[in-house]
All heavy atoms as atom14 arrays in JSON, in Angstrom:
{
  "sequence": "VAERIAELEGAAERVAMLEAERQRILAEAAGLARQLHQARREA",
  "atom14_mask": [
    [1, 1, 1, 1, 1, 1, 1, 0, 0, 0, 0, 0, 0, 0],
    [1, 1, 1, 1, 1, 0, 0, 0, 0, 0, 0, 0, 0, 0],
    [1, 1, 1, 1, 1, 1, 1, 1, 1, 0, 0, 0, 0, 0],
    [1, 1, 1, 1, 1, 1, 1, 1, 1, 1, 1, 0, 0, 0],
    [1, 1, 1, 1, 1, 1, 1, 1, 0, 0, 0, 0, 0, 0],
    [1, 1, 1, 1, 1, 0, 0, 0, 0, 0, 0, 0, 0, 0],
    [1, 1, 1, 1, 1, 1, 1, 1, 1, 0, 0, 0, 0, 0],
    [1, 1, 1, 1, 1, 1, 1, 1, 0, 0, 0, 0, 0, 0],
    [1, 1, 1, 1, 1, 1, 1, 1, 1, 0, 0, 0, 0, 0],
    [1, 1, 1, 1, 0, 0, 0, 0, 0, 0, 0, 0, 0, 0],
    [1, 1, 1, 1, 1, 0, 0, 0, 0, 0, 0, 0, 0, 0],
    [1, 1, 1, 1, 1, 0, 0, 0, 0, 0, 0, 0, 0, 0],
    [1, 1, 1, 1, 1, 1, 1, 1, 1, 0, 0, 0, 0, 0],
    [1, 1, 1, 1, 1, 1, 1, 1, 1, 1, 1, 0, 0, 0],
    [1, 1, 1, 1, 1, 1, 1, 0, 0, 0, 0, 0, 0, 0],
    [1, 1, 1, 1, 1, 0, 0, 0, 0, 0, 0, 0, 0, 0],
    [1, 1, 1, 1, 1, 1, 1, 1, 0, 0, 0, 0, 0, 0],
    [1, 1, 1, 1, 1, 1, 1, 1, 0, 0, 0, 0, 0, 0],
    [1, 1, 1, 1, 1, 1, 1, 1, 1, 0, 0, 0, 0, 0],
    [1, 1, 1, 1, 1, 0, 0, 0, 0, 0, 0, 0, 0, 0],
    [1, 1, 1, 1, 1, 1, 1, 1, 1, 0, 0, 0, 0, 0],
    [1, 1, 1, 1, 1, 1, 1, 1, 1, 1, 1, 0, 0, 0],
    [1, 1, 1, 1, 1, 1, 1, 1, 1, 0, 0, 0, 0, 0],
    [1, 1, 1, 1, 1, 1, 1, 1, 1, 1, 1, 0, 0, 0],
    [1, 1, 1, 1, 1, 1, 1, 1, 0, 0, 0, 0, 0, 0],
    [1, 1, 1, 1, 1, 1, 1, 1, 0, 0, 0, 0, 0, 0],
    [1, 1, 1, 1, 1, 0, 0, 0, 0, 0, 0, 0, 0, 0],
    [1, 1, 1, 1, 1, 1, 1, 1, 1, 0, 0, 0, 0, 0],
    [1, 1, 1, 1, 1, 0, 0, 0, 0, 0, 0, 0, 0, 0],
    [1, 1, 1, 1, 1, 0, 0, 0, 0, 0, 0, 0, 0, 0],
    [1, 1, 1, 1, 0, 0, 0, 0, 0, 0, 0, 0, 0, 0],
    [1, 1, 1, 1, 1, 1, 1, 1, 0, 0, 0, 0, 0, 0],
    [1, 1, 1, 1, 1, 0, 0, 0, 0, 0, 0, 0, 0, 0],
    [1, 1, 1, 1, 1, 1, 1, 1, 1, 1, 1, 0, 0, 0],
    [1, 1, 1, 1, 1, 1, 1, 1, 1, 0, 0, 0, 0, 0],
    [1, 1, 1, 1, 1, 1, 1, 1, 0, 0, 0, 0, 0, 0],
    [1, 1, 1, 1, 1, 1, 1, 1, 1, 1, 0, 0, 0, 0],
    [1, 1, 1, 1, 1, 1, 1, 1, 1, 0, 0, 0, 0, 0],
    [1, 1, 1, 1, 1, 0, 0, 0, 0, 0, 0, 0, 0, 0],
    [1, 1, 1, 1, 1, 1, 1, 1, 1, 1, 1, 0, 0, 0],
    [1, 1, 1, 1, 1, 1, 1, 1, 1, 1, 1, 0, 0, 0],
    [1, 1, 1, 1, 1, 1, 1, 1, 1, 0, 0, 0, 0, 0],
    [1, 1, 1, 1, 1, 0, 0, 0, 0, 0, 0, 0, 0, 0]
  ],
  "atom14_positions": [
    [[0.83, -1.2, -0.01], [-0.01, 0.01, -0.01], [0.88, 1.25, 0.0], [0.62, 2.2, -0.74], [-0.96, -0.02, 1.22], [-1.56, 1.36, 1.44], [-2.04, -1.06, 1.01], [0.0, 0.0, 0.0], [0.0, 0.0, 0.0], [0.0, 0.0, 0.0], [0.0, 0.0, 0.0], [0.0, 0.0, 0.0], [0.0, 0.0, 0.0], [0.0, 0.0, 0.0]],
    [[1.93, 1.21, 0.83], [2.81, 2.39, 0.89], [3.5, 2.64, -0.45], [3.64, 3.8, -0.89], [3.86, 2.18, 1.99], [0.0, 0.0, 0.0], [0.0, 0.0, 0.0], [0.0, 0.0, 0.0], [0.0, 0.0, 0.0], [0.0, 0.0, 0.0], [0.0, 0.0, 0.0], [0.0, 0.0, 0.0], [0.0, 0.0, 0.0], [0.0, 0.0, 0.0]],
    [[3.9, 1.55, -1.13], [4.56, 1.7, -2.43], [3.57, 2.28, -3.45], [3.92, 3.2, -4.24], [5.09, 0.35, -2.93], [6.25, -0.16, -2.12], [6.63, -1.58, -2.5], [5.97, -2.14, -3.41], [7.56, -2.16, -1.88], [0.0, 0.0, 0.0], [0.0, 0.0, 0.0], [0.0, 0.0, 0.0], [0.0, 0.0, 0.0], [0.0, 0.0, 0.0]],
    [[2.34, 1.81, -3.42], [1.33, 2.31, -4.37], [0.99, 3.77, -4.08], [0.83, 4.56, -5.02], [0.1, 1.41, -4.29], [-1.02, 1.83, -5.23], [-0.6, 1.76, -6.66], [-1.69, 2.13, -7.57], [-1.54, 2.63, -8.77], [-0.3, 2.88, -9.24], [-2.57, 2.92, -9.53], [0.0, 0.0, 0.0], [0.0, 0.0, 0.0], [0.0, 0.0, 0.0]],
    [[0.9, 4.12, -2.81], [0.64, 5.53, -2.44], [1.74, 6.41, -2.97], [1.5, 7.48, -3.54], [0.48, 5.67, -0.92], [-0.83, 5.02, -0.44], [0.53, 7.12, -0.49], [-0.99, 4.99, 1.07], [0.0, 0.0, 0.0], [0.0, 0.0, 0.0], [0.0, 0.0, 0.0], [0.0, 0.0, 0.0], [0.0, 0.0, 0.0], [0.0, 0.0, 0.0]],
    [[2.98, 5.98, -2.76], [4.13, 6.77, -3.22], [4.09, 6.93, -4.73], [4.39, 8.02, -5.26], [5.43, 6.11, -2.79], [0.0, 0.0, 0.0], [0.0, 0.0, 0.0], [0.0, 0.0, 0.0], [0.0, 0.0, 0.0], [0.0, 0.0, 0.0], [0.0, 0.0, 0.0], [0.0, 0.0, 0.0], [0.0, 0.0, 0.0], [0.0, 0.0, 0.0]],
    [[3.7, 5.84, -5.44], [3.63, 5.91, -6.88], [2.55, 6.87, -7.33], [2.76, 7.68, -8.25], [3.35, 4.5, -7.45], [3.36, 4.45, -8.96], [3.16, 3.04, -9.51], [3.17, 2.1, -8.7], [3.0, 2.91, -10.73], [0.0, 0.0, 0.0], [0.0, 0.0, 0.0], [0.0, 0.0, 0.0], [0.0, 0.0, 0.0], [0.0, 0.0, 0.0]],
    [[1.36, 6.8, -6.69], [0.27, 7.69, -7.08], [0.54, 9.14, -6.71], [0.21, 10.08, -7.44], [-1.02, 7.21, -6.45], [-1.59, 5.88, -7.01], [-2.79, 5.44, -6.17], [-1.97, 6.05, -8.47], [0.0, 0.0, 0.0], [0.0, 0.0, 0.0], [0.0, 0.0, 0.0], [0.0, 0.0, 0.0], [0.0, 0.0, 0.0], [0.0, 0.0, 0.0]],
    [[1.11, 9.35, -5.51], [1.41, 10.71, -5.08], [2.48, 11.35, -5.93], [2.47, 12.58, -6.13], [1.83, 10.7, -3.62], [0.69, 10.41, -2.63], [1.14, 10.37, -1.19], [2.36, 10.2, -0.95], [0.29, 10.53, -0.31], [0.0, 0.0, 0.0], [0.0, 0.0, 0.0], [0.0, 0.0, 0.0], [0.0, 0.0, 0.0], [0.0, 0.0, 0.0]],
    [[3.38, 10.51, -6.48], [4.42, 11.06, -7.34], [4.13, 10.81, -8.82], [5.05, 10.65, -9.62], [0.0, 0.0, 0.0], [0.0, 0.0, 0.0], [0.0, 0.0, 0.0], [0.0, 0.0, 0.0], [0.0, 0.0, 0.0], [0.0, 0.0, 0.0], [0.0, 0.0, 0.0], [0.0, 0.0, 0.0], [0.0, 0.0, 0.0], [0.0, 0.0, 0.0]],
    [[2.81, 10.72, -9.16], [2.43, 10.35, -10.54], [3.02, 11.31, -11.56], [3.53, 10.92, -12.6], [0.93, 10.27, -10.65], [0.0, 0.0, 0.0], [0.0, 0.0, 0.0], [0.0, 0.0, 0.0], [0.0, 0.0, 0.0], [0.0, 0.0, 0.0], [0.0, 0.0, 0.0], [0.0, 0.0, 0.0], [0.0, 0.0, 0.0], [0.0, 0.0, 0.0]],
    [[2.92, 12.6, -11.29], [3.4, 13.58, -12.26], [4.89, 13.41, -12.52], [5.34, 13.42, -13.69], [3.08, 15.0, -11.76], [0.0, 0.0, 0.0], [0.0, 0.0, 0.0], [0.0, 0.0, 0.0], [0.0, 0.0, 0.0], [0.0, 0.0, 0.0], [0.0, 0.0, 0.0], [0.0, 0.0, 0.0], [0.0, 0.0, 0.0], [0.0, 0.0, 0.0]],
    [[5.64, 13.28, -11.44], [7.07, 13.09, -11.61], [7.36, 11.77, -12.32], [8.26, 11.69, -13.17], [7.79, 13.11, -10.25], [7.73, 14.46, -9.53], [6.39, 14.67, -8.81], [5.55, 13.76, -8.86], [6.23, 15.76, -8.25], [0.0, 0.0, 0.0], [0.0, 0.0, 0.0], [0.0, 0.0, 0.0], [0.0, 0.0, 0.0], [0.0, 0.0, 0.0]],
    [[6.6, 10.76, -11.94], [6.8, 9.44, -12.56], [6.47, 9.48, -14.04], [7.16, 8.88, -14.86], [5.92, 8.4, -11.82], [6.14, 6.97, -12.3], [7.47, 6.46, -11.9], [7.63, 5.08, -12.26], [8.82, 4.53, -12.47], [9.93, 5.22, -12.33], [8.94, 3.24, -12.78], [0.0, 0.0, 0.0], [0.0, 0.0, 0.0], [0.0, 0.0, 0.0]],
    [[5.39, 10.16, -14.39], [5.0, 10.28, -15.8], [6.1, 10.96, -16.61], [6.46, 10.52, -17.68], [3.69, 11.07, -15.92], [3.47, 11.51, -17.37], [2.5, 10.2, -15.49], [0.0, 0.0, 0.0], [0.0, 0.0, 0.0], [0.0, 0.0, 0.0], [0.0, 0.0, 0.0], [0.0, 0.0, 0.0], [0.0, 0.0, 0.0], [0.0, 0.0, 0.0]],
    [[6.67, 12.01, -16.02], [7.76, 12.73, -16.71], [8.95, 11.83, -16.93], [9.57, 11.81, -18.02], [8.13, 13.96, -15.95], [0.0, 0.0, 0.0], [0.0, 0.0, 0.0], [0.0, 0.0, 0.0], [0.0, 0.0, 0.0], [0.0, 0.0, 0.0], [0.0, 0.0, 0.0], [0.0, 0.0, 0.0], [0.0, 0.0, 0.0], [0.0, 0.0, 0.0]],
    [[9.28, 11.05, -15.91], [10.46, 10.18, -16.0], [10.21, 9.06, -17.03], [11.08, 8.76, -17.86], [10.76, 9.55, -14.63], [12.0, 8.69, -14.6], [12.3, 7.98, -12.96], [10.94, 6.86, -12.83], [0.0, 0.0, 0.0], [0.0, 0.0, 0.0], [0.0, 0.0, 0.0], [0.0, 0.0, 0.0], [0.0, 0.0, 0.0], [0.0, 0.0, 0.0]],
    [[9.01, 8.44, -16.97], [8.71, 7.37, -17.92], [8.62, 7.9, -19.35], [9.03, 7.23, -20.29], [7.4, 6.7, -17.54], [7.42, 5.86, -16.26], [6.0, 5.31, -15.94], [8.39, 4.71, -16.36], [0.0, 0.0, 0.0], [0.0, 0.0, 0.0], [0.0, 0.0, 0.0], [0.0, 0.0, 0.0], [0.0, 0.0, 0.0], [0.0, 0.0, 0.0]],
    [[8.07, 9.08, -19.5], [7.96, 9.67, -20.85], [9.35, 9.96, -21.43], [9.61, 9.75, -22.62], [7.15, 10.95, -20.82], [6.97, 11.63, -22.17], [6.31, 10.74, -23.21], [5.47, 9.86, -22.83], [6.62, 10.87, -24.4], [0.0, 0.0, 0.0], [0.0, 0.0, 0.0], [0.0, 0.0, 0.0], [0.0, 0.0, 0.0], [0.0, 0.0, 0.0]],
    [[10.28, 10.43, -20.57], [11.64, 10.67, -21.04], [12.29, 9.36, -21.47], [12.98, 9.27, -22.48], [12.45, 11.33, -19.91], [0.0, 0.0, 0.0], [0.0, 0.0, 0.0], [0.0, 0.0, 0.0], [0.0, 0.0, 0.0], [0.0, 0.0, 0.0], [0.0, 0.0, 0.0], [0.0, 0.0, 0.0], [0.0, 0.0, 0.0], [0.0, 0.0, 0.0]],
    [[12.03, 8.3, -20.67], [12.59, 7.0, -21.06], [11.96, 6.47, -22.35], [12.62, 5.9, -23.22], [12.38, 5.97, -19.93], [13.03, 4.63, -20.21], [12.85, 3.62, -19.07], [12.19, 3.97, -18.08], [13.39, 2.5, -19.18], [0.0, 0.0, 0.0], [0.0, 0.0, 0.0], [0.0, 0.0, 0.0], [0.0, 0.0, 0.0], [0.0, 0.0, 0.0]],
    [[10.66, 6.7, -22.51], [9.97, 6.27, -23.7], [10.56, 6.96, -24.93], [10.77, 6.34, -25.97], [8.46, 6.55, -23.62], [7.63, 5.87, -24.72], [6.17, 6.26, -24.64], [5.99, 7.6, -25.21], [5.82, 7.86, -26.5], [5.8, 6.85, -27.37], [5.63, 9.1, -26.91], [0.0, 0.0, 0.0], [0.0, 0.0, 0.0], [0.0, 0.0, 0.0]],
    [[10.82, 8.25, -24.82], [11.37, 8.99, -25.97], [12.76, 8.48, -26.31], [13.13, 8.39, -27.47], [11.43, 10.48, -25.63], [10.05, 11.17, -25.57], [9.31, 11.12, -26.92], [9.94, 11.12, -27.97], [7.99, 11.04, -26.84], [0.0, 0.0, 0.0], [0.0, 0.0, 0.0], [0.0, 0.0, 0.0], [0.0, 0.0, 0.0], [0.0, 0.0, 0.0]],
    [[13.54, 8.14, -25.26], [14.87, 7.61, -25.52], [14.79, 6.25, -26.24], [15.48, 6.02, -27.25], [15.64, 7.46, -24.19], [17.04, 6.89, -24.36], [17.72, 6.73, -23.0], [17.06, 5.76, -22.15], [17.21, 4.45, -22.23], [18.0, 3.93, -23.18], [16.6, 3.65, -21.41], [0.0, 0.0, 0.0], [0.0, 0.0, 0.0], [0.0, 0.0, 0.0]],
    [[13.92, 5.34, -25.75], [13.76, 4.04, -26.39], [13.2, 4.21, -27.8], [13.59, 3.48, -28.74], [12.87, 3.12, -25.56], [13.46, 2.9, -24.16], [12.66, 1.78, -26.24], [14.75, 2.14, -24.14], [0.0, 0.0, 0.0], [0.0, 0.0, 0.0], [0.0, 0.0, 0.0], [0.0, 0.0, 0.0], [0.0, 0.0, 0.0], [0.0, 0.0, 0.0]],
    [[12.28, 5.18, -27.97], [11.69, 5.42, -29.28], [12.76, 5.84, -30.28], [12.74, 5.41, -31.43], [10.6, 6.45, -29.18], [9.71, 6.66, -30.41], [8.9, 5.38, -30.72], [8.75, 7.82, -30.19], [0.0, 0.0, 0.0], [0.0, 0.0, 0.0], [0.0, 0.0, 0.0], [0.0, 0.0, 0.0], [0.0, 0.0, 0.0], [0.0, 0.0, 0.0]],
    [[13.68, 6.69, -29.83], [14.76, 7.14, -30.71], [15.66, 5.94, -31.11], [16.08, 5.81, -32.26], [15.59, 8.23, -30.04], [0.0, 0.0, 0.0], [0.0, 0.0, 0.0], [0.0, 0.0, 0.0], [0.0, 0.0, 0.0], [0.0, 0.0, 0.0], [0.0, 0.0, 0.0], [0.0, 0.0, 0.0], [0.0, 0.0, 0.0], [0.0, 0.0, 0.0]],
    [[15.96, 5.08, -30.15], [16.75, 3.9, -30.45], [16.03, 3.01, -31.46], [16.61, 2.5, -32.42], [17.04, 3.12, -29.17], [18.0, 3.82, -28.2], [18.24, 2.97, -26.98], [17.74, 1.83, -26.91], [18.94, 3.45, -26.05], [0.0, 0.0, 0.0], [0.0, 0.0, 0.0], [0.0, 0.0, 0.0], [0.0, 0.0, 0.0], [0.0, 0.0, 0.0]],
    [[14.71, 2.82, -31.23], [13.93, 1.95, -32.12], [13.88, 2.53, -33.52], [13.99, 1.81, -34.54], [12.52, 1.78, -31.56], [0.0, 0.0, 0.0], [0.0, 0.0, 0.0], [0.0, 0.0, 0.0], [0.0, 0.0, 0.0], [0.0, 0.0, 0.0], [0.0, 0.0, 0.0], [0.0, 0.0, 0.0], [0.0, 0.0, 0.0], [0.0, 0.0, 0.0]],
    [[13.73, 3.89, -33.61], [13.7, 4.51, -34.92], [15.01, 4.31, -35.66], [15.04, 4.05, -36.86], [13.36, 5.99, -34.77], [0.0, 0.0, 0.0], [0.0, 0.0, 0.0], [0.0, 0.0, 0.0], [0.0, 0.0, 0.0], [0.0, 0.0, 0.0], [0.0, 0.0, 0.0], [0.0, 0.0, 0.0], [0.0, 0.0, 0.0], [0.0, 0.0, 0.0]],
    [[16.12, 4.41, -34.92], [17.43, 4.2, -35.54], [17.58, 2.78, -36.06], [18.07, 2.56, -37.15], [0.0, 0.0, 0.0], [0.0, 0.0, 0.0], [0.0, 0.0, 0.0], [0.0, 0.0, 0.0], [0.0, 0.0, 0.0], [0.0, 0.0, 0.0], [0.0, 0.0, 0.0], [0.0, 0.0, 0.0], [0.0, 0.0, 0.0], [0.0, 0.0, 0.0]],
    [[17.14, 1.81, -35.26], [17.21, 0.43, -35.68], [16.29, 0.18, -36.89], [16.65, -0.57, -37.8], [16.84, -0.51, -34.54], [17.83, -0.6, -33.37], [17.2, -1.29, -32.16], [19.1, -1.32, -33.79], [0.0, 0.0, 0.0], [0.0, 0.0, 0.0], [0.0, 0.0, 0.0], [0.0, 0.0, 0.0], [0.0, 0.0, 0.0], [0.0, 0.0, 0.0]],
    [[15.09, 0.81, -36.87], [14.18, 0.64, -37.99], [14.79, 1.2, -39.29], [14.58, 0.64, -40.36], [12.85, 1.33, -37.68], [0.0, 0.0, 0.0], [0.0, 0.0, 0.0], [0.0, 0.0, 0.0], [0.0, 0.0, 0.0], [0.0, 0.0, 0.0], [0.0, 0.0, 0.0], [0.0, 0.0, 0.0], [0.0, 0.0, 0.0], [0.0, 0.0, 0.0]],
    [[15.51, 2.29, -39.18], [16.16, 2.86, -40.37], [17.26, 1.93, -40.87], [17.39, 1.74, -42.08], [16.75, 4.25, -40.06], [15.65, 5.3, -39.85], [16.21, 6.71, -39.75], [15.12, 7.64, -39.54], [14.3, 8.07, -40.49], [14.48, 7.66, -41.74], [13.34, 8.93, -40.21], [0.0, 0.0, 0.0], [0.0, 0.0, 0.0], [0.0, 0.0, 0.0]],
    [[18.05, 1.37, -39.96], [19.09, 0.4, -40.39], [18.44, -0.79, -41.07], [18.93, -1.3, -42.08], [19.89, -0.02, -39.17], [20.75, 1.06, -38.53], [21.51, 0.53, -37.34], [22.25, -0.46, -37.46], [21.35, 1.15, -36.2], [0.0, 0.0, 0.0], [0.0, 0.0, 0.0], [0.0, 0.0, 0.0], [0.0, 0.0, 0.0], [0.0, 0.0, 0.0]],
    [[17.34, -1.25, -40.47], [16.65, -2.42, -41.02], [16.08, -2.1, -42.39], [16.18, -2.9, -43.33], [15.54, -2.85, -40.06], [14.82, -4.16, -40.3], [15.8, -5.31, -40.35], [13.79, -4.41, -39.19], [0.0, 0.0, 0.0], [0.0, 0.0, 0.0], [0.0, 0.0, 0.0], [0.0, 0.0, 0.0], [0.0, 0.0, 0.0], [0.0, 0.0, 0.0]],
    [[15.5, -0.91, -42.53], [14.95, -0.47, -43.84], [16.04, -0.43, -44.89], [15.86, -0.89, -46.01], [14.28, 0.88, -43.67], [13.8, 1.5, -44.93], [12.69, 1.04, -45.59], [14.3, 2.51, -45.68], [12.51, 1.74, -46.69], [13.47, 2.65, -46.78], [0.0, 0.0, 0.0], [0.0, 0.0, 0.0], [0.0, 0.0, 0.0], [0.0, 0.0, 0.0]],
    [[17.19, 0.15, -44.52], [18.28, 0.25, -45.49], [18.79, -1.12, -45.89], [19.05, -1.4, -47.09], [19.44, 1.08, -44.88], [20.57, 1.35, -45.84], [20.13, 2.11, -47.1], [19.26, 2.96, -47.04], [20.71, 1.76, -48.24], [0.0, 0.0, 0.0], [0.0, 0.0, 0.0], [0.0, 0.0, 0.0], [0.0, 0.0, 0.0], [0.0, 0.0, 0.0]],
    [[18.92, -2.03, -44.9], [19.4, -3.38, -45.23], [18.4, -4.1, -46.13], [18.79, -4.83, -47.06], [19.6, -4.19, -43.93], [0.0, 0.0, 0.0], [0.0, 0.0, 0.0], [0.0, 0.0, 0.0], [0.0, 0.0, 0.0], [0.0, 0.0, 0.0], [0.0, 0.0, 0.0], [0.0, 0.0, 0.0], [0.0, 0.0, 0.0], [0.0, 0.0, 0.0]],
    [[17.12, -3.85, -45.93], [16.13, -4.48, -46.78], [16.17, -3.88, -48.18], [15.95, -4.62, -49.17], [14.74, -4.29, -46.15], [14.48, -5.23, -44.96], [13.25, -4.82, -44.22], [12.91, -5.78, -43.18], [12.07, -5.54, -42.15], [11.5, -4.37, -42.05], [11.85, -6.47, -41.25], [0.0, 0.0, 0.0], [0.0, 0.0, 0.0], [0.0, 0.0, 0.0]],
    [[16.36, -2.61, -48.28], [16.47, -1.98, -49.59], [17.63, -2.61, -50.39], [17.48, -2.93, -51.58], [16.74, -0.48, -49.44], [15.5, 0.33, -49.03], [14.65, 0.62, -50.25], [13.6, 1.58, -49.93], [12.65, 1.91, -50.78], [12.62, 1.36, -51.98], [11.68, 2.78, -50.45], [0.0, 0.0, 0.0], [0.0, 0.0, 0.0], [0.0, 0.0, 0.0]],
    [[18.76, -2.79, -49.71], [19.93, -3.39, -50.37], [19.61, -4.83, -50.75], [19.97, -5.3, -51.86], [21.14, -3.33, -49.45], [21.62, -1.9, -49.18], [22.69, -1.86, -48.13], [23.08, -2.93, -47.62], [23.13, -0.75, -47.8], [0.0, 0.0, 0.0], [0.0, 0.0, 0.0], [0.0, 0.0, 0.0], [0.0, 0.0, 0.0], [0.0, 0.0, 0.0]],
    [[18.95, -5.6, -49.85], [18.57, -6.97, -50.13], [17.61, -7.05, -51.3], [17.67, -7.95, -52.14], [17.98, -7.64, -48.89], [0.0, 0.0, 0.0], [0.0, 0.0, 0.0], [0.0, 0.0, 0.0], [0.0, 0.0, 0.0], [0.0, 0.0, 0.0], [0.0, 0.0, 0.0], [0.0, 0.0, 0.0], [0.0, 0.0, 0.0], [0.0, 0.0, 0.0]]
  ]
}
């Protein structure tokens, strides 16, 4: 219960942190997708 309260009370901060991580992973995924697209074009 205490962990869940802390998570809900810090929702805004948590959202900001998770969104920053999502953008970082999204950028990595986009880079990999471009490499994959280029490799497929060559194939």
